[in-house]
Protein backbone atom coordinates (compact mmCIF):
# COMPACT_ATOMS: atom_id res chain seq x y z
CA MET A 1 -10.59 -12.11 -1.22
CA LYS A 2 -10.86 -8.60 0.19
CA GLY A 3 -9.01 -5.32 -0.06
CA LEU A 4 -7.38 -3.23 2.65
CA ILE A 5 -6.27 0.35 2.04
CA LEU A 6 -4.02 2.21 4.49
CA SER A 7 -4.96 5.90 4.42
CA ALA A 8 -4.39 7.29 7.90
CA GLY A 9 -1.38 9.53 7.27
CA MET A 10 -1.29 13.31 6.97
CA GLY A 11 0.52 13.60 3.63
CA THR A 12 2.54 16.61 4.78
CA ARG A 13 4.79 16.54 1.71
CA LEU A 14 1.74 17.33 -0.41
CA ASP A 15 1.17 20.59 1.43
CA PRO A 16 -0.75 22.85 0.75
CA ILE A 17 -3.19 20.43 -0.94
CA THR A 18 -3.46 18.21 2.11
CA ARG A 19 -4.38 21.12 4.36
CA THR A 20 -7.92 20.73 3.06
CA CYS A 21 -8.15 17.03 2.16
CA PRO A 22 -6.50 13.74 3.14
CA LYS A 23 -3.90 12.28 0.82
CA CYS A 24 -6.19 9.56 -0.54
CA MET A 25 -8.64 12.26 -1.68
CA VAL A 26 -6.08 14.21 -3.74
CA HIS A 27 -7.18 14.21 -7.37
CA VAL A 28 -5.25 12.43 -10.11
CA ALA A 29 -6.74 12.23 -13.59
CA GLY A 30 -9.76 14.14 -12.33
CA ARG A 31 -10.66 11.77 -9.49
CA PRO A 32 -9.55 11.08 -5.91
CA ILE A 33 -6.76 8.52 -5.64
CA MET A 34 -8.97 6.14 -3.67
CA GLU A 35 -11.63 6.09 -6.38
CA HIS A 36 -9.01 4.71 -8.76
CA GLN A 37 -8.07 2.05 -6.20
CA LEU A 38 -11.62 0.93 -5.42
CA ASP A 39 -12.45 0.72 -9.12
CA ALA A 40 -9.35 -1.44 -9.68
CA LEU A 41 -10.39 -3.77 -6.87
CA ARG A 42 -13.91 -4.06 -8.27
CA SER A 43 -12.58 -4.76 -11.76
CA ALA A 44 -10.54 -7.64 -10.29
CA GLY A 45 -13.60 -9.10 -8.58
CA VAL A 46 -12.80 -7.83 -5.09
CA ASP A 47 -16.02 -6.39 -3.71
CA ASN A 48 -15.19 -5.92 -0.02
CA CYS A 49 -12.64 -3.43 1.30
CA THR A 50 -11.52 -2.13 4.67
CA VAL A 51 -10.04 1.37 4.79
CA VAL A 52 -7.86 2.53 7.67
CA ILE A 53 -8.45 6.25 8.08
CA GLY A 54 -6.99 8.85 10.42
CA TYR A 55 -6.25 12.37 9.24
CA MET A 56 -9.52 14.08 8.16
CA ALA A 57 -11.27 10.74 8.58
CA ASP A 58 -14.79 12.10 8.18
CA SER A 59 -14.09 13.45 4.71
CA VAL A 60 -13.28 9.92 3.51
CA ARG A 61 -16.34 8.40 5.19
CA ASN A 62 -18.62 11.12 3.84
CA HIS A 63 -17.34 10.76 0.29
CA PHE A 64 -17.42 6.99 -0.05
CA GLY A 65 -19.96 5.86 2.52
CA THR A 66 -20.36 2.11 2.97
CA LYS A 67 -20.55 1.21 -0.72
CA TYR A 68 -18.79 2.59 -3.76
CA HIS A 69 -19.43 1.27 -7.29
CA GLY A 70 -20.31 -2.16 -5.94
CA VAL A 71 -17.50 -2.37 -3.38
CA SER A 72 -18.66 -2.67 0.25
CA ILE A 73 -16.51 -0.48 2.51
CA SER A 74 -15.85 -0.69 6.23
CA TYR A 75 -13.63 1.67 8.20
CA VAL A 76 -11.07 1.37 10.97
CA GLU A 77 -9.88 4.64 12.50
CA ASN A 78 -6.36 5.31 13.73
CA THR A 79 -6.91 8.17 16.16
CA VAL A 80 -3.17 8.50 16.89
CA TYR A 81 -2.16 8.78 13.24
CA SER A 82 0.25 11.65 13.92
CA GLU A 83 2.23 9.54 16.41
CA THR A 84 2.27 6.13 14.69
CA ASN A 85 3.24 4.54 11.39
CA ASN A 86 1.52 2.14 9.00
CA LEU A 87 2.42 -1.03 10.94
CA TYR A 88 0.22 0.30 13.73
CA SER A 89 -2.54 1.13 11.23
CA LEU A 90 -2.41 -2.32 9.67
CA ASN A 91 -2.53 -3.98 13.08
CA LEU A 92 -5.61 -1.94 13.99
CA ALA A 93 -7.40 -3.69 11.12
CA LYS A 94 -6.36 -7.20 12.17
CA ALA A 95 -9.95 -8.25 12.90
CA ASP A 96 -10.73 -7.65 9.23
CA LEU A 97 -7.74 -9.69 8.01
CA ASP A 98 -9.83 -12.86 7.97
CA ASP A 99 -9.49 -13.61 4.26
CA ASP A 100 -6.86 -13.49 1.54
CA THR A 101 -6.16 -9.76 1.28
CA ILE A 102 -4.94 -7.24 -1.28
CA LEU A 103 -3.03 -4.63 0.72
CA LEU A 104 -2.69 -1.16 -0.78
CA GLU A 105 -1.28 2.11 0.47
CA GLY A 106 -3.57 5.07 -0.08
CA ASP A 107 -1.16 7.15 -2.18
CA LEU A 108 -0.96 4.87 -5.23
CA VAL A 109 -2.45 5.17 -8.70
CA PHE A 110 -2.00 2.31 -11.16
CA ASP A 111 -3.51 0.50 -14.12
CA ASP A 112 -6.51 -1.60 -13.08
CA GLU A 113 -4.94 -4.64 -14.77
CA LEU A 114 -2.25 -4.74 -12.11
CA ILE A 115 -4.73 -5.89 -9.47
CA GLY A 116 -6.37 -8.32 -11.88
CA ARG A 117 -3.01 -9.97 -12.53
CA LEU A 118 -2.25 -10.12 -8.82
CA VAL A 119 -5.58 -11.72 -7.95
CA GLY A 120 -5.05 -14.31 -10.69
CA LEU A 121 -1.77 -15.65 -9.30
CA ASP A 122 -1.57 -18.97 -7.45
CA ASP A 123 1.06 -17.81 -4.94
CA GLU A 124 -0.18 -17.22 -1.40
CA ASN A 125 1.89 -14.09 -0.72
CA VAL A 126 3.08 -11.72 -3.43
CA ALA A 127 4.83 -8.34 -3.50
CA VAL A 128 4.30 -6.21 -6.59
CA VAL A 129 7.70 -4.82 -7.64
CA ASP A 130 9.41 -2.84 -10.37
CA ARG A 131 13.00 -2.50 -11.52
CA PHE A 132 14.79 -0.06 -9.23
CA GLU A 133 15.59 3.30 -10.82
CA SER A 134 17.67 6.14 -9.43
CA HIS A 135 14.69 8.40 -8.73
CA MET A 136 13.01 5.76 -6.56
CA ASN A 137 13.06 5.77 -2.80
CA GLY A 138 12.02 3.31 -0.10
CA THR A 139 11.92 -0.41 0.57
CA VAL A 140 13.47 -2.81 -1.94
CA VAL A 141 13.35 -6.56 -2.43
CA LEU A 142 16.18 -8.88 -3.36
CA ALA A 143 14.72 -11.86 -5.19
CA ASP A 144 15.87 -15.08 -6.80
CA GLY A 145 13.73 -17.16 -9.12
CA GLY A 146 10.70 -14.98 -8.51
CA VAL A 147 10.87 -15.36 -4.72
CA ALA A 148 11.93 -12.70 -2.22
CA GLU A 149 15.12 -13.59 -0.39
CA ALA A 150 15.28 -10.32 1.54
CA MET A 151 13.35 -7.11 2.03
CA VAL A 152 15.50 -4.08 2.83
CA LEU A 153 13.98 -0.92 4.27
CA LYS A 154 15.36 2.49 3.33
CA ALA A 155 16.90 2.91 6.79
CA ASP A 156 18.96 -0.25 6.21
CA GLN A 157 20.30 0.77 2.79
CA GLY A 158 23.73 2.08 3.70
CA PRO A 159 26.10 4.10 1.50
CA ASP A 160 27.56 0.93 -0.03
CA PHE A 161 24.21 -0.75 -0.73
CA ASP A 162 24.13 -2.37 -4.19
CA TYR A 163 20.96 -1.30 -5.99
CA GLY A 164 21.85 -3.29 -9.09
CA PRO A 165 19.75 -6.37 -8.33
CA SER A 166 17.17 -4.49 -6.26
CA LEU A 167 13.46 -4.44 -7.00
CA LYS A 168 11.39 -1.50 -5.75
CA THR A 169 8.30 -2.37 -3.76
CA VAL A 170 5.19 -0.78 -5.26
CA ASN A 171 3.41 -1.08 -1.88
CA ILE A 172 0.81 -3.48 -3.23
CA TYR A 173 0.71 -6.96 -1.72
CA ARG A 174 -1.35 -10.10 -1.83
CA LEU A 175 -1.36 -11.81 1.58
CA SER A 176 -2.95 -15.14 2.43
CA ARG A 177 -5.32 -15.54 5.35
CA LYS A 178 -3.08 -18.28 6.75
CA THR A 179 0.08 -16.16 6.65
CA LEU A 180 -1.74 -13.20 8.14
CA ALA A 181 -3.09 -15.26 11.04
CA GLU A 182 -0.02 -17.37 11.74
CA SER A 183 2.85 -14.99 10.99
CA ILE A 184 2.09 -11.37 10.13
CA ILE A 185 -0.40 -10.48 12.87
CA PRO A 186 1.66 -12.11 15.66
CA GLU A 187 4.79 -10.35 14.39
CA MET A 188 3.03 -6.96 14.28
CA GLU A 189 1.68 -7.51 17.79
CA GLU A 190 5.19 -8.19 19.02
CA PHE A 191 6.46 -4.96 17.45
CA ILE A 192 3.68 -3.01 19.16
CA ALA A 193 4.17 -4.75 22.51
CA ASN A 194 7.79 -3.59 22.31
CA GLY A 195 6.68 -0.01 21.71
CA ARG A 196 7.69 0.02 18.05
CA THR A 197 4.54 1.75 16.81
CA ASP A 198 6.65 4.06 14.63
CA GLN A 199 7.64 1.26 12.23
CA TYR A 200 6.59 0.50 8.66
CA TYR A 201 4.81 -2.84 8.24
CA GLU A 202 7.66 -3.83 5.89
CA ALA A 203 9.85 -4.10 8.98
CA ALA A 204 7.68 -7.02 10.10
CA PHE A 205 7.67 -8.49 6.58
CA ALA A 206 11.46 -8.21 6.37
CA LYS A 207 11.92 -10.03 9.67
CA LEU A 208 9.54 -12.82 8.64
CA ILE A 209 11.24 -13.30 5.27
CA GLU A 210 14.69 -13.32 6.89
CA SER A 211 13.63 -15.95 9.43
CA GLY A 212 11.95 -18.12 6.80
CA SER A 213 8.57 -17.70 8.49
CA MET A 214 6.99 -16.21 5.36
CA ASN A 215 7.46 -17.04 1.71
CA MET A 216 6.79 -14.14 -0.64
CA ALA A 217 6.79 -14.27 -4.42
CA VAL A 218 7.33 -11.15 -6.53
CA MET A 219 5.25 -9.94 -9.44
CA MET A 220 6.80 -7.43 -11.85
CA THR A 221 4.68 -4.49 -12.93
CA ASP A 222 5.86 -5.10 -16.52
CA LYS A 223 3.90 -2.74 -18.80
CA ASN A 224 1.40 -1.71 -16.15
CA ARG A 225 1.79 1.91 -15.09
CA TRP A 226 1.95 2.96 -11.45
CA ALA A 227 2.76 6.04 -9.44
CA GLU A 228 3.35 6.65 -5.75
CA ILE A 229 2.34 10.16 -4.82
CA ASP A 230 4.30 11.54 -1.88
CA THR A 231 5.22 15.01 -3.15
CA LEU A 232 3.90 17.73 -5.42
CA GLU A 233 6.47 16.63 -8.00
CA ASP A 234 5.14 13.06 -7.79
CA LEU A 235 1.64 14.40 -8.32
CA SER A 236 2.70 16.32 -11.41
CA GLU A 237 4.38 13.23 -12.86
CA ALA A 238 1.31 11.10 -12.12
CA GLU A 239 -0.89 13.58 -13.94
CA LYS A 240 1.34 13.29 -17.00
CA MET A 241 1.44 9.50 -16.77
CA PHE A 242 -2.31 9.10 -16.56
CA ASN A 243 -3.09 11.76 -19.15
CA SER A 244 -5.26 14.06 -17.12
CA ALA A 245 -5.62 17.46 -18.69
CA SER A 246 -8.74 18.11 -16.63
CA ALA A 247 -7.50 17.00 -13.20
CA THR A 248 -8.32 19.24 -10.27
CA LEU A 249 -6.30 19.54 -7.11
CA ASN A 250 -8.84 19.77 -4.34
C-alpha cells in the first residue's frame, strides 16, 4: 500500500500566509501540515508516498527531499495548477497508482490513528466520513449499511437538499489497485478528454458510484480528530484542536 497526497493548489484563502509558502507547508501544532500526514502514513505502515505539487513546488521538494522519517517520497508536478483542479492533479499521478492507495488532500490534519484504522479495513474502497454539521462545506455521501449509495458535490446540493442523512467527506480515501486501474483512471481520462480539467476528482467518484461501477464503503471518524484547513479561521480552529501553543505561521 502507498500514499498519495494532492498538494498542487495555491491556497488563496489562506492569504497572506500562502504568499510565502504552499498550503501543505503551513504550520499546525508547530509543524507543516504535510509532516503530520507523512508521519501518520508511516505509523500505519505505509512507507512509500507520491506527492503532487504545483504552487511553490521547489519549497516542498527542498523541505522533504526523497525520504522523510522512513517514508520514501516521489513527486509529480502539475505545472498548470492555476488552471486545473484536483482531478487533473490525480490523473497526472496515474502511473504511480499501481498499488492499493491512501489518497489524501494536502490541507488536512488528523489523528494518526485514523490512517491506521483505514489501512486495517478489509474493504477495497473506503471514504472516511463524519456526521455533517452546519459549519461544514463540500462533498457529502449518502450511505446505507456502511456503503455509499451516492456522492453529492457541493455544486449539486440545491436549496432543498436534505443534509439530515448526509455524511461529510473528510477527503481521505482508500482505493484498491483494481478499482483504480479498471474504473477510476479510465473515468478521469474521459473527463480530461472532454476538457473537464476544472473538476474535483469526486465528480468522477460520484459518477462511478451512481453507475454501480465502483463500490465504496464508509468509515466514520468516530473519536479521531480531523481538520480541513482552507481559511485562516480553519487554521485557528485547527490550532485549538491540536493544542499548539507554540505553532508558527510561516
